[in-house]
N, C-alpha and C. Protein backbone atom coordinates (compact mmCIF):
# COMPACT_ATOMS: atom_id res chain seq x y z
N MET A 1 -7.62 -13.94 15.98
CA MET A 1 -6.45 -13.86 15.11
C MET A 1 -5.59 -12.65 15.50
N ASN A 2 -4.28 -12.86 15.47
CA ASN A 2 -3.32 -11.80 15.77
C ASN A 2 -2.46 -11.50 14.56
N ILE A 3 -2.32 -10.25 14.20
CA ILE A 3 -1.39 -9.86 13.13
C ILE A 3 -0.47 -8.78 13.69
N ASN A 4 0.82 -9.06 13.67
CA ASN A 4 1.83 -8.13 14.19
C ASN A 4 1.55 -7.73 15.64
N GLY A 5 1.04 -8.68 16.41
CA GLY A 5 0.79 -8.42 17.82
C GLY A 5 -0.51 -7.69 18.12
N GLN A 6 -1.30 -7.42 17.06
CA GLN A 6 -2.59 -6.75 17.25
C GLN A 6 -3.72 -7.70 16.88
N SER A 7 -4.75 -7.73 17.73
CA SER A 7 -5.87 -8.65 17.45
C SER A 7 -6.72 -8.13 16.30
N VAL A 8 -7.24 -9.07 15.53
CA VAL A 8 -8.06 -8.76 14.36
C VAL A 8 -9.43 -9.40 14.58
N SER A 9 -10.50 -8.68 14.25
CA SER A 9 -11.85 -9.20 14.46
C SER A 9 -12.11 -10.43 13.58
N ARG A 10 -13.12 -11.19 13.99
CA ARG A 10 -13.49 -12.39 13.23
C ARG A 10 -13.88 -12.02 11.79
N GLU A 11 -14.62 -10.93 11.67
CA GLU A 11 -15.08 -10.49 10.34
C GLU A 11 -13.89 -10.14 9.43
N THR A 12 -12.94 -9.39 9.96
CA THR A 12 -11.76 -9.03 9.17
C THR A 12 -10.93 -10.27 8.86
N GLN A 13 -10.81 -11.18 9.83
CA GLN A 13 -10.08 -12.43 9.60
C GLN A 13 -10.69 -13.20 8.43
N GLU A 14 -12.01 -13.31 8.40
CA GLU A 14 -12.69 -14.04 7.32
C GLU A 14 -12.46 -13.37 5.97
N ARG A 15 -12.48 -12.04 5.96
CA ARG A 15 -12.22 -11.31 4.72
C ARG A 15 -10.79 -11.56 4.23
N LEU A 16 -9.84 -11.52 5.16
CA LEU A 16 -8.43 -11.76 4.80
C LEU A 16 -8.23 -13.19 4.29
N GLU A 17 -8.87 -14.14 4.95
CA GLU A 17 -8.75 -15.55 4.52
C GLU A 17 -9.33 -15.74 3.13
N HIS A 18 -10.46 -15.10 2.86
CA HIS A 18 -11.07 -15.20 1.54
C HIS A 18 -10.16 -14.58 0.48
N PHE A 19 -9.57 -13.44 0.83
CA PHE A 19 -8.63 -12.79 -0.09
C PHE A 19 -7.45 -13.71 -0.40
N VAL A 20 -6.90 -14.36 0.62
CA VAL A 20 -5.75 -15.25 0.42
C VAL A 20 -6.12 -16.42 -0.49
N GLU A 21 -7.31 -16.98 -0.31
CA GLU A 21 -7.75 -18.08 -1.18
C GLU A 21 -7.89 -17.61 -2.63
N LEU A 22 -8.49 -16.45 -2.81
CA LEU A 22 -8.60 -15.86 -4.16
C LEU A 22 -7.21 -15.65 -4.77
N PHE A 23 -6.31 -15.14 -3.95
CA PHE A 23 -4.95 -14.84 -4.39
C PHE A 23 -4.26 -16.11 -4.89
N LYS A 24 -4.37 -17.18 -4.11
CA LYS A 24 -3.75 -18.46 -4.49
C LYS A 24 -4.32 -18.97 -5.81
N LYS A 25 -5.63 -18.84 -5.95
CA LYS A 25 -6.31 -19.31 -7.17
C LYS A 25 -5.82 -18.53 -8.40
N TRP A 26 -5.78 -17.22 -8.28
CA TRP A 26 -5.35 -16.39 -9.40
C TRP A 26 -3.86 -16.53 -9.70
N SER A 27 -3.08 -16.83 -8.67
CA SER A 27 -1.63 -16.94 -8.85
C SER A 27 -1.24 -18.10 -9.77
N LYS A 28 -2.15 -19.03 -9.96
CA LYS A 28 -1.86 -20.17 -10.85
C LYS A 28 -1.76 -19.73 -12.30
N THR A 29 -2.44 -18.64 -12.63
CA THR A 29 -2.43 -18.17 -14.03
C THR A 29 -1.89 -16.75 -14.21
N THR A 30 -1.81 -16.00 -13.11
CA THR A 30 -1.35 -14.61 -13.19
C THR A 30 -0.21 -14.40 -12.19
N ASN A 31 0.87 -13.79 -12.64
CA ASN A 31 2.03 -13.58 -11.78
C ASN A 31 1.79 -12.38 -10.86
N LEU A 32 1.22 -12.65 -9.69
CA LEU A 32 0.88 -11.57 -8.75
C LEU A 32 2.02 -11.22 -7.82
N VAL A 33 2.77 -12.24 -7.39
CA VAL A 33 4.00 -12.02 -6.60
C VAL A 33 5.02 -13.06 -7.04
N ALA A 34 6.25 -12.91 -6.58
CA ALA A 34 7.28 -13.90 -6.91
C ALA A 34 6.82 -15.27 -6.40
N PRO A 35 6.77 -16.28 -7.28
CA PRO A 35 6.27 -17.61 -6.88
C PRO A 35 6.97 -18.18 -5.65
N SER A 36 8.24 -17.83 -5.46
CA SER A 36 9.01 -18.36 -4.32
C SER A 36 8.47 -17.87 -2.97
N THR A 37 7.67 -16.78 -3.00
CA THR A 37 7.17 -16.23 -1.73
C THR A 37 5.74 -16.68 -1.42
N LEU A 38 5.14 -17.49 -2.30
CA LEU A 38 3.75 -17.91 -2.10
C LEU A 38 3.55 -18.72 -0.83
N THR A 39 4.57 -19.49 -0.43
CA THR A 39 4.44 -20.31 0.78
C THR A 39 4.42 -19.45 2.04
N GLU A 40 4.88 -18.21 1.92
CA GLU A 40 4.91 -17.31 3.09
C GLU A 40 3.90 -16.18 2.93
N LEU A 41 2.79 -16.49 2.31
CA LEU A 41 1.81 -15.46 1.95
C LEU A 41 1.36 -14.62 3.15
N TRP A 42 1.05 -15.28 4.26
CA TRP A 42 0.56 -14.55 5.44
C TRP A 42 1.63 -13.68 6.06
N SER A 43 2.81 -14.25 6.28
CA SER A 43 3.86 -13.48 6.97
C SER A 43 4.54 -12.49 6.05
N ARG A 44 4.84 -12.93 4.84
CA ARG A 44 5.64 -12.11 3.92
C ARG A 44 4.82 -10.98 3.30
N HIS A 45 3.55 -11.24 3.04
CA HIS A 45 2.75 -10.27 2.30
C HIS A 45 1.58 -9.67 3.10
N VAL A 46 0.75 -10.52 3.70
CA VAL A 46 -0.44 -10.00 4.41
C VAL A 46 -0.01 -9.20 5.64
N ALA A 47 0.81 -9.81 6.50
CA ALA A 47 1.23 -9.12 7.73
C ALA A 47 2.07 -7.88 7.43
N ASP A 48 2.94 -8.00 6.43
CA ASP A 48 3.78 -6.86 6.03
C ASP A 48 2.90 -5.70 5.56
N SER A 49 1.85 -6.02 4.81
CA SER A 49 0.93 -5.00 4.31
C SER A 49 0.07 -4.42 5.43
N ALA A 50 -0.33 -5.28 6.37
CA ALA A 50 -1.20 -4.84 7.47
C ALA A 50 -0.53 -3.76 8.32
N GLN A 51 0.80 -3.77 8.35
CA GLN A 51 1.53 -2.75 9.11
C GLN A 51 1.11 -1.33 8.72
N ILE A 52 0.86 -1.14 7.44
CA ILE A 52 0.52 0.20 6.93
C ILE A 52 -0.74 0.73 7.62
N PHE A 53 -1.81 -0.09 7.61
CA PHE A 53 -3.04 0.35 8.27
C PHE A 53 -2.83 0.47 9.77
N GLN A 54 -2.07 -0.46 10.35
CA GLN A 54 -1.86 -0.44 11.79
C GLN A 54 -1.11 0.81 12.26
N LEU A 55 -0.33 1.40 11.37
CA LEU A 55 0.37 2.65 11.70
C LEU A 55 -0.53 3.87 11.58
N CYS A 56 -1.63 3.72 10.86
CA CYS A 56 -2.50 4.87 10.59
C CYS A 56 -3.94 4.37 10.47
N SER A 57 -4.50 3.93 11.59
CA SER A 57 -5.76 3.19 11.55
C SER A 57 -7.00 4.06 11.69
N VAL A 58 -6.99 5.20 11.03
CA VAL A 58 -8.17 6.06 11.01
C VAL A 58 -8.83 5.98 9.64
N PRO A 59 -10.14 6.18 9.57
CA PRO A 59 -10.81 6.13 8.27
C PRO A 59 -10.45 7.35 7.42
N GLN A 60 -9.76 7.13 6.33
CA GLN A 60 -9.37 8.24 5.47
C GLN A 60 -9.27 7.75 4.03
N ARG A 61 -8.95 8.69 3.14
CA ARG A 61 -8.85 8.37 1.71
C ARG A 61 -7.40 8.02 1.37
N TRP A 62 -7.19 6.80 0.93
CA TRP A 62 -5.87 6.31 0.55
C TRP A 62 -5.73 6.20 -0.96
N ILE A 63 -4.50 6.35 -1.44
CA ILE A 63 -4.14 5.94 -2.80
C ILE A 63 -3.03 4.91 -2.66
N ASP A 64 -3.20 3.76 -3.28
CA ASP A 64 -2.18 2.72 -3.26
C ASP A 64 -1.59 2.63 -4.67
N LEU A 65 -0.29 2.87 -4.78
CA LEU A 65 0.37 2.93 -6.08
C LEU A 65 0.97 1.58 -6.47
N GLY A 66 0.75 1.18 -7.73
CA GLY A 66 1.30 -0.09 -8.21
C GLY A 66 0.78 -1.24 -7.38
N SER A 67 -0.55 -1.34 -7.26
CA SER A 67 -1.16 -2.27 -6.31
C SER A 67 -0.86 -3.73 -6.57
N GLY A 68 -0.60 -4.10 -7.82
CA GLY A 68 -0.18 -5.47 -8.15
C GLY A 68 -1.13 -6.52 -7.63
N GLY A 69 -0.63 -7.34 -6.69
CA GLY A 69 -1.44 -8.41 -6.13
C GLY A 69 -2.31 -7.98 -4.96
N GLY A 70 -2.36 -6.67 -4.70
CA GLY A 70 -3.24 -6.18 -3.64
C GLY A 70 -2.54 -5.82 -2.34
N PHE A 71 -1.19 -5.80 -2.38
CA PHE A 71 -0.41 -5.47 -1.18
C PHE A 71 0.23 -4.09 -1.32
N PRO A 72 -0.05 -3.16 -0.42
CA PRO A 72 -0.95 -3.29 0.73
C PRO A 72 -2.39 -2.84 0.47
N GLY A 73 -2.71 -2.37 -0.74
CA GLY A 73 -3.99 -1.70 -1.00
C GLY A 73 -5.24 -2.47 -0.59
N VAL A 74 -5.35 -3.73 -1.01
CA VAL A 74 -6.56 -4.51 -0.68
C VAL A 74 -6.60 -4.79 0.83
N ILE A 75 -5.44 -5.03 1.42
CA ILE A 75 -5.40 -5.30 2.87
C ILE A 75 -5.91 -4.07 3.64
N THR A 76 -5.45 -2.88 3.25
CA THR A 76 -5.96 -1.64 3.88
C THR A 76 -7.46 -1.51 3.68
N ALA A 77 -7.92 -1.80 2.46
CA ALA A 77 -9.36 -1.69 2.14
C ALA A 77 -10.20 -2.67 2.95
N ILE A 78 -9.64 -3.83 3.26
CA ILE A 78 -10.33 -4.83 4.09
C ILE A 78 -10.45 -4.32 5.53
N PHE A 79 -9.38 -3.75 6.05
CA PHE A 79 -9.44 -3.18 7.40
C PHE A 79 -10.44 -2.02 7.47
N LEU A 80 -10.50 -1.22 6.42
CA LEU A 80 -11.44 -0.08 6.39
C LEU A 80 -12.89 -0.56 6.37
N ALA A 81 -13.12 -1.75 5.81
CA ALA A 81 -14.49 -2.29 5.74
C ALA A 81 -15.07 -2.46 7.14
N GLU A 82 -14.22 -2.82 8.09
CA GLU A 82 -14.69 -2.97 9.47
C GLU A 82 -15.06 -1.63 10.08
N LEU A 83 -14.35 -0.57 9.68
CA LEU A 83 -14.66 0.77 10.19
C LEU A 83 -15.90 1.35 9.52
N GLY A 84 -16.22 0.81 8.32
CA GLY A 84 -17.38 1.32 7.59
C GLY A 84 -17.16 2.71 7.03
N ASP A 85 -15.89 3.10 6.91
CA ASP A 85 -15.55 4.44 6.43
C ASP A 85 -14.14 4.38 5.84
N GLY A 86 -13.77 5.44 5.11
CA GLY A 86 -12.47 5.44 4.44
C GLY A 86 -12.56 4.75 3.08
N TRP A 87 -11.52 4.89 2.29
CA TRP A 87 -11.54 4.37 0.91
C TRP A 87 -10.11 4.21 0.41
N VAL A 88 -9.90 3.24 -0.45
CA VAL A 88 -8.59 3.07 -1.10
C VAL A 88 -8.77 3.10 -2.61
N ASP A 89 -8.09 4.02 -3.27
CA ASP A 89 -8.02 4.03 -4.73
C ASP A 89 -6.75 3.28 -5.13
N LEU A 90 -6.93 2.12 -5.77
CA LEU A 90 -5.80 1.28 -6.16
C LEU A 90 -5.40 1.58 -7.60
N VAL A 91 -4.15 1.95 -7.80
CA VAL A 91 -3.65 2.30 -9.13
C VAL A 91 -2.82 1.13 -9.66
N GLU A 92 -3.29 0.50 -10.73
CA GLU A 92 -2.59 -0.65 -11.31
C GLU A 92 -2.84 -0.68 -12.82
N SER A 93 -1.78 -0.46 -13.60
CA SER A 93 -1.92 -0.33 -15.06
C SER A 93 -2.00 -1.69 -15.77
N ASN A 94 -1.57 -2.76 -15.11
CA ASN A 94 -1.64 -4.10 -15.72
C ASN A 94 -3.08 -4.60 -15.66
N ASN A 95 -3.67 -4.85 -16.83
CA ASN A 95 -5.09 -5.19 -16.89
C ASN A 95 -5.45 -6.48 -16.18
N LYS A 96 -4.57 -7.49 -16.28
CA LYS A 96 -4.84 -8.76 -15.59
C LYS A 96 -4.85 -8.56 -14.08
N LYS A 97 -3.87 -7.84 -13.58
CA LYS A 97 -3.80 -7.58 -12.14
C LYS A 97 -4.97 -6.71 -11.69
N ALA A 98 -5.33 -5.73 -12.52
CA ALA A 98 -6.48 -4.87 -12.20
C ALA A 98 -7.76 -5.69 -12.11
N ALA A 99 -7.92 -6.68 -13.00
CA ALA A 99 -9.10 -7.55 -12.97
C ALA A 99 -9.15 -8.34 -11.66
N PHE A 100 -7.99 -8.86 -11.25
CA PHE A 100 -7.93 -9.58 -9.97
C PHE A 100 -8.31 -8.66 -8.81
N LEU A 101 -7.77 -7.45 -8.81
CA LEU A 101 -8.03 -6.50 -7.73
C LEU A 101 -9.53 -6.18 -7.62
N ARG A 102 -10.18 -6.01 -8.77
CA ARG A 102 -11.62 -5.71 -8.76
C ARG A 102 -12.41 -6.84 -8.10
N ILE A 103 -12.08 -8.07 -8.48
CA ILE A 103 -12.78 -9.22 -7.92
C ILE A 103 -12.49 -9.35 -6.43
N ALA A 104 -11.23 -9.13 -6.05
CA ALA A 104 -10.84 -9.22 -4.64
C ALA A 104 -11.61 -8.22 -3.78
N LEU A 105 -11.73 -6.99 -4.27
CA LEU A 105 -12.47 -5.96 -3.54
C LEU A 105 -13.95 -6.33 -3.42
N LYS A 106 -14.51 -6.79 -4.52
CA LYS A 106 -15.94 -7.11 -4.55
C LYS A 106 -16.25 -8.28 -3.61
N GLU A 107 -15.45 -9.35 -3.70
CA GLU A 107 -15.77 -10.57 -2.95
C GLU A 107 -15.46 -10.45 -1.46
N THR A 108 -14.58 -9.57 -1.09
CA THR A 108 -14.26 -9.40 0.34
C THR A 108 -15.05 -8.25 0.98
N GLY A 109 -15.76 -7.49 0.14
CA GLY A 109 -16.51 -6.35 0.67
C GLY A 109 -15.61 -5.22 1.12
N ALA A 110 -14.39 -5.19 0.56
CA ALA A 110 -13.42 -4.16 0.95
C ALA A 110 -13.81 -2.80 0.37
N ARG A 111 -13.34 -1.75 1.01
CA ARG A 111 -13.71 -0.39 0.62
C ARG A 111 -12.65 0.19 -0.33
N GLY A 112 -12.86 -0.01 -1.63
CA GLY A 112 -11.89 0.52 -2.59
C GLY A 112 -12.37 0.41 -4.02
N ALA A 113 -11.60 1.01 -4.92
CA ALA A 113 -11.87 0.95 -6.35
C ALA A 113 -10.55 0.87 -7.09
N VAL A 114 -10.59 0.28 -8.28
CA VAL A 114 -9.37 0.07 -9.07
C VAL A 114 -9.32 1.06 -10.23
N HIS A 115 -8.15 1.64 -10.44
CA HIS A 115 -7.92 2.57 -11.55
C HIS A 115 -6.83 1.98 -12.44
N PRO A 116 -7.21 1.43 -13.62
CA PRO A 116 -6.23 0.81 -14.50
C PRO A 116 -5.50 1.85 -15.35
N VAL A 117 -4.75 2.72 -14.69
CA VAL A 117 -4.02 3.80 -15.38
C VAL A 117 -2.56 3.79 -14.94
N ARG A 118 -1.74 4.49 -15.68
CA ARG A 118 -0.34 4.63 -15.29
C ARG A 118 -0.25 5.59 -14.10
N ILE A 119 0.71 5.35 -13.23
CA ILE A 119 0.85 6.17 -12.02
C ILE A 119 1.02 7.65 -12.37
N GLU A 120 1.78 7.91 -13.45
CA GLU A 120 2.06 9.31 -13.84
C GLU A 120 0.78 10.08 -14.18
N THR A 121 -0.23 9.38 -14.67
CA THR A 121 -1.48 10.06 -15.05
C THR A 121 -2.56 9.98 -13.97
N ALA A 122 -2.29 9.23 -12.90
CA ALA A 122 -3.30 9.02 -11.85
C ALA A 122 -3.81 10.32 -11.22
N PRO A 123 -2.95 11.35 -11.02
CA PRO A 123 -3.47 12.59 -10.42
C PRO A 123 -4.57 13.26 -11.25
N GLN A 124 -4.64 12.95 -12.55
CA GLN A 124 -5.72 13.51 -13.38
C GLN A 124 -7.05 12.82 -13.09
N THR A 125 -6.97 11.56 -12.64
CA THR A 125 -8.17 10.76 -12.37
C THR A 125 -8.59 10.84 -10.92
N ILE A 126 -7.60 10.80 -10.03
CA ILE A 126 -7.87 10.83 -8.58
C ILE A 126 -7.37 12.18 -8.07
N GLU A 127 -8.28 13.05 -7.74
CA GLU A 127 -7.89 14.43 -7.46
C GLU A 127 -7.17 14.62 -6.13
N SER A 128 -7.62 13.92 -5.09
CA SER A 128 -7.03 14.18 -3.78
C SER A 128 -7.02 12.93 -2.91
N CYS A 129 -6.23 12.98 -1.84
CA CYS A 129 -6.18 11.88 -0.88
C CYS A 129 -5.57 12.39 0.42
N ASP A 130 -5.69 11.55 1.46
CA ASP A 130 -5.09 11.87 2.75
C ASP A 130 -3.76 11.15 2.95
N ALA A 131 -3.66 9.97 2.34
CA ALA A 131 -2.47 9.14 2.54
C ALA A 131 -2.18 8.31 1.29
N VAL A 132 -0.90 7.98 1.11
CA VAL A 132 -0.47 7.17 -0.04
C VAL A 132 0.36 6.00 0.48
N SER A 133 0.20 4.85 -0.18
CA SER A 133 1.02 3.70 0.16
C SER A 133 1.62 3.10 -1.11
N ALA A 134 2.74 2.40 -0.95
CA ALA A 134 3.36 1.66 -2.05
C ALA A 134 4.31 0.64 -1.44
N ARG A 135 4.40 -0.51 -2.09
CA ARG A 135 5.24 -1.58 -1.58
C ARG A 135 5.98 -2.22 -2.75
N ALA A 136 7.30 -2.32 -2.61
CA ALA A 136 8.14 -2.96 -3.63
C ALA A 136 7.87 -2.38 -5.02
N LEU A 137 7.84 -1.06 -5.11
CA LEU A 137 7.48 -0.42 -6.37
C LEU A 137 8.64 0.32 -7.03
N ALA A 138 9.29 1.21 -6.31
CA ALA A 138 10.35 2.03 -6.91
C ALA A 138 11.21 2.63 -5.81
N GLU A 139 12.32 3.27 -6.23
CA GLU A 139 13.17 3.98 -5.27
C GLU A 139 12.41 5.16 -4.68
N LEU A 140 12.82 5.58 -3.49
CA LEU A 140 12.12 6.65 -2.78
C LEU A 140 12.03 7.93 -3.60
N ASP A 141 13.11 8.30 -4.28
CA ASP A 141 13.13 9.54 -5.07
C ASP A 141 12.00 9.55 -6.10
N LEU A 142 11.80 8.42 -6.78
CA LEU A 142 10.74 8.32 -7.79
C LEU A 142 9.36 8.27 -7.12
N LEU A 143 9.26 7.59 -6.00
CA LEU A 143 7.98 7.55 -5.27
C LEU A 143 7.53 8.95 -4.87
N LEU A 144 8.49 9.78 -4.43
CA LEU A 144 8.16 11.15 -4.03
C LEU A 144 7.71 11.97 -5.23
N GLU A 145 8.32 11.69 -6.38
CA GLU A 145 7.90 12.37 -7.61
C GLU A 145 6.45 12.00 -7.94
N TYR A 146 6.13 10.72 -7.77
CA TYR A 146 4.75 10.26 -8.03
C TYR A 146 3.73 10.95 -7.14
N ILE A 147 4.06 11.10 -5.85
CA ILE A 147 3.04 11.61 -4.91
C ILE A 147 3.01 13.13 -4.81
N HIS A 148 4.02 13.80 -5.40
CA HIS A 148 4.12 15.25 -5.27
C HIS A 148 2.86 16.01 -5.70
N PRO A 149 2.20 15.62 -6.82
CA PRO A 149 0.99 16.35 -7.21
C PRO A 149 -0.09 16.35 -6.13
N TRP A 150 -0.22 15.25 -5.40
CA TRP A 150 -1.21 15.20 -4.31
C TRP A 150 -0.73 15.97 -3.08
N ALA A 151 0.58 15.92 -2.84
CA ALA A 151 1.14 16.66 -1.70
C ALA A 151 0.97 18.17 -1.87
N GLU A 152 1.04 18.62 -3.11
CA GLU A 152 0.86 20.06 -3.39
C GLU A 152 -0.56 20.51 -3.05
N LYS A 153 -1.52 19.60 -3.19
CA LYS A 153 -2.93 19.94 -2.91
C LYS A 153 -3.28 19.76 -1.44
N ASN A 154 -2.53 18.91 -0.75
CA ASN A 154 -2.85 18.60 0.64
C ASN A 154 -1.57 18.63 1.49
N SER A 155 -1.40 19.70 2.25
CA SER A 155 -0.17 19.86 3.05
C SER A 155 -0.09 18.84 4.19
N ASP A 156 -1.22 18.19 4.51
CA ASP A 156 -1.23 17.19 5.58
C ASP A 156 -1.03 15.76 5.06
N LEU A 157 -0.76 15.64 3.77
CA LEU A 157 -0.60 14.30 3.17
C LEU A 157 0.52 13.51 3.85
N LYS A 158 0.25 12.23 4.10
CA LYS A 158 1.28 11.33 4.60
C LYS A 158 1.44 10.17 3.63
N ALA A 159 2.67 9.68 3.52
CA ALA A 159 2.94 8.53 2.66
C ALA A 159 3.63 7.45 3.48
N PHE A 160 3.29 6.19 3.19
CA PHE A 160 3.86 5.05 3.91
C PHE A 160 4.44 4.07 2.89
N PHE A 161 5.74 3.85 2.98
CA PHE A 161 6.43 2.98 2.03
C PHE A 161 7.19 1.88 2.75
N ASN A 162 6.89 0.62 2.43
CA ASN A 162 7.68 -0.50 2.95
C ASN A 162 9.02 -0.51 2.24
N LYS A 163 10.11 -0.57 3.01
CA LYS A 163 11.45 -0.54 2.42
C LYS A 163 12.36 -1.58 3.07
N GLY A 164 13.28 -2.11 2.28
CA GLY A 164 14.24 -3.10 2.75
C GLY A 164 15.52 -2.48 3.27
N ARG A 165 16.57 -3.29 3.35
CA ARG A 165 17.80 -2.89 4.05
C ARG A 165 18.55 -1.72 3.42
N ASP A 166 18.29 -1.42 2.14
CA ASP A 166 19.02 -0.33 1.48
C ASP A 166 18.32 1.03 1.59
N TYR A 167 17.39 1.14 2.51
CA TYR A 167 16.57 2.35 2.55
C TYR A 167 17.38 3.61 2.85
N GLU A 168 18.46 3.49 3.64
CA GLU A 168 19.24 4.68 4.02
C GLU A 168 19.80 5.40 2.80
N SER A 169 20.33 4.63 1.84
CA SER A 169 20.89 5.25 0.63
C SER A 169 19.78 5.89 -0.21
N GLU A 170 18.59 5.29 -0.20
CA GLU A 170 17.46 5.87 -0.94
C GLU A 170 17.03 7.20 -0.31
N VAL A 171 17.02 7.24 1.02
CA VAL A 171 16.64 8.47 1.73
C VAL A 171 17.65 9.58 1.43
N GLN A 172 18.92 9.21 1.46
CA GLN A 172 19.99 10.18 1.20
C GLN A 172 19.87 10.76 -0.21
N LYS A 173 19.62 9.88 -1.18
CA LYS A 173 19.47 10.33 -2.57
C LYS A 173 18.25 11.25 -2.72
N ALA A 174 17.15 10.87 -2.09
CA ALA A 174 15.91 11.65 -2.21
C ALA A 174 16.07 13.04 -1.62
N HIS A 175 16.90 13.17 -0.58
CA HIS A 175 17.11 14.48 0.04
C HIS A 175 17.81 15.46 -0.90
N GLY A 176 18.41 14.96 -1.96
CA GLY A 176 19.03 15.85 -2.93
C GLY A 176 18.02 16.69 -3.68
N ARG A 177 16.81 16.17 -3.82
CA ARG A 177 15.79 16.85 -4.62
C ARG A 177 14.58 17.29 -3.79
N TRP A 178 14.38 16.65 -2.63
CA TRP A 178 13.15 16.87 -1.89
C TRP A 178 13.42 17.28 -0.44
N GLN A 179 12.49 18.05 0.08
CA GLN A 179 12.44 18.30 1.53
C GLN A 179 11.27 17.50 2.08
N PHE A 180 11.45 16.83 3.20
CA PHE A 180 10.35 16.08 3.80
C PHE A 180 10.70 15.70 5.24
N ASP A 181 9.66 15.48 6.02
CA ASP A 181 9.84 14.95 7.37
C ASP A 181 9.75 13.43 7.28
N LEU A 182 10.55 12.76 8.09
CA LEU A 182 10.64 11.30 7.98
C LEU A 182 10.55 10.65 9.35
N ILE A 183 9.68 9.65 9.46
CA ILE A 183 9.66 8.78 10.64
C ILE A 183 9.94 7.36 10.14
N LYS A 184 10.90 6.70 10.75
CA LYS A 184 11.22 5.32 10.39
C LYS A 184 10.57 4.38 11.39
N HIS A 185 9.68 3.55 10.93
CA HIS A 185 9.03 2.55 11.77
C HIS A 185 9.70 1.20 11.53
N GLN A 186 10.24 0.61 12.57
CA GLN A 186 10.86 -0.71 12.45
C GLN A 186 9.82 -1.73 11.98
N SER A 187 10.17 -2.52 10.97
CA SER A 187 9.25 -3.54 10.46
C SER A 187 8.97 -4.59 11.53
N ALA A 188 7.71 -4.99 11.62
CA ALA A 188 7.34 -6.07 12.54
C ALA A 188 7.65 -7.43 11.93
N ILE A 189 8.05 -7.42 10.65
CA ILE A 189 8.24 -8.68 9.91
C ILE A 189 9.72 -9.04 9.77
N GLU A 190 10.52 -8.06 9.34
CA GLU A 190 11.94 -8.34 9.11
C GLU A 190 12.80 -7.32 9.85
N ALA A 191 13.86 -7.83 10.48
CA ALA A 191 14.72 -6.99 11.34
C ALA A 191 15.39 -5.85 10.58
N ASP A 192 15.72 -6.08 9.30
CA ASP A 192 16.44 -5.05 8.54
C ASP A 192 15.53 -4.25 7.60
N SER A 193 14.22 -4.33 7.84
CA SER A 193 13.27 -3.57 7.01
C SER A 193 12.55 -2.51 7.84
N VAL A 194 11.99 -1.54 7.13
CA VAL A 194 11.29 -0.44 7.80
C VAL A 194 10.04 -0.06 7.01
N VAL A 195 9.18 0.71 7.65
CA VAL A 195 8.13 1.45 6.94
C VAL A 195 8.50 2.91 7.10
N LEU A 196 8.72 3.58 5.98
CA LEU A 196 9.04 5.01 6.01
C LEU A 196 7.75 5.82 5.95
N GLU A 197 7.59 6.71 6.92
CA GLU A 197 6.43 7.61 6.94
C GLU A 197 6.91 9.00 6.54
N ILE A 198 6.40 9.49 5.43
CA ILE A 198 6.82 10.77 4.85
C ILE A 198 5.71 11.81 5.01
N SER A 199 6.08 13.01 5.42
CA SER A 199 5.11 14.11 5.48
C SER A 199 5.81 15.42 5.12
N ASN A 200 4.99 16.46 4.93
CA ASN A 200 5.51 17.80 4.58
C ASN A 200 6.47 17.76 3.38
N LEU A 201 6.05 17.09 2.33
CA LEU A 201 6.89 16.95 1.13
C LEU A 201 6.88 18.22 0.29
N ALA A 202 8.04 18.63 -0.13
CA ALA A 202 8.18 19.79 -1.04
C ALA A 202 9.45 19.65 -1.85
N LEU A 203 9.43 20.21 -3.05
CA LEU A 203 10.66 20.26 -3.87
C LEU A 203 11.64 21.24 -3.26
N ARG A 204 12.91 20.90 -3.30
CA ARG A 204 13.92 21.85 -2.83
C ARG A 204 13.99 23.03 -3.79
N ARG A 205 14.09 24.21 -3.27
CA ARG A 205 14.16 25.41 -4.12
C ARG A 205 15.63 25.75 -4.40
């Protein structure tokens, strides 16, 4: 199996396939993603999420914010299962979605745990991490506010955010309040989308 031009092991492929079947089953009763995108589950959601791990494929401690239907958090946790190291703390305050995430992690053998708390209070529960991810969650300025408590504790923290065509205006707005280094990775899925890699985050003085 190939995802975004990179080969995936048989074991990881089976885990991803099982996750997709679980996702389809739960989607009948729980709104995990926009119903109109269900037919493009592999390309629109799985492959888009896989980009995050593919950009930073070392075993480390991740926090995935607003995990929802498991993108990208569960996908990252599935890839980490093959490495046998690393961990993803998935933050999802919606109890139904959190229940789905727990089952998805358990049944796929993915390396992660679910925290059914609000993002604003998550730093009290999850003390530290190496990297943060979020997809289709909020504007960049607010995302940086969310991750700032962890960035203060870890100067090497990196964040990876999937963003659509309006990302330039979000970056410009965020620079009003924050200092950060930015790498823009062209999306392997959509021509006008990117993955923003943020590091060295600090409040402007």
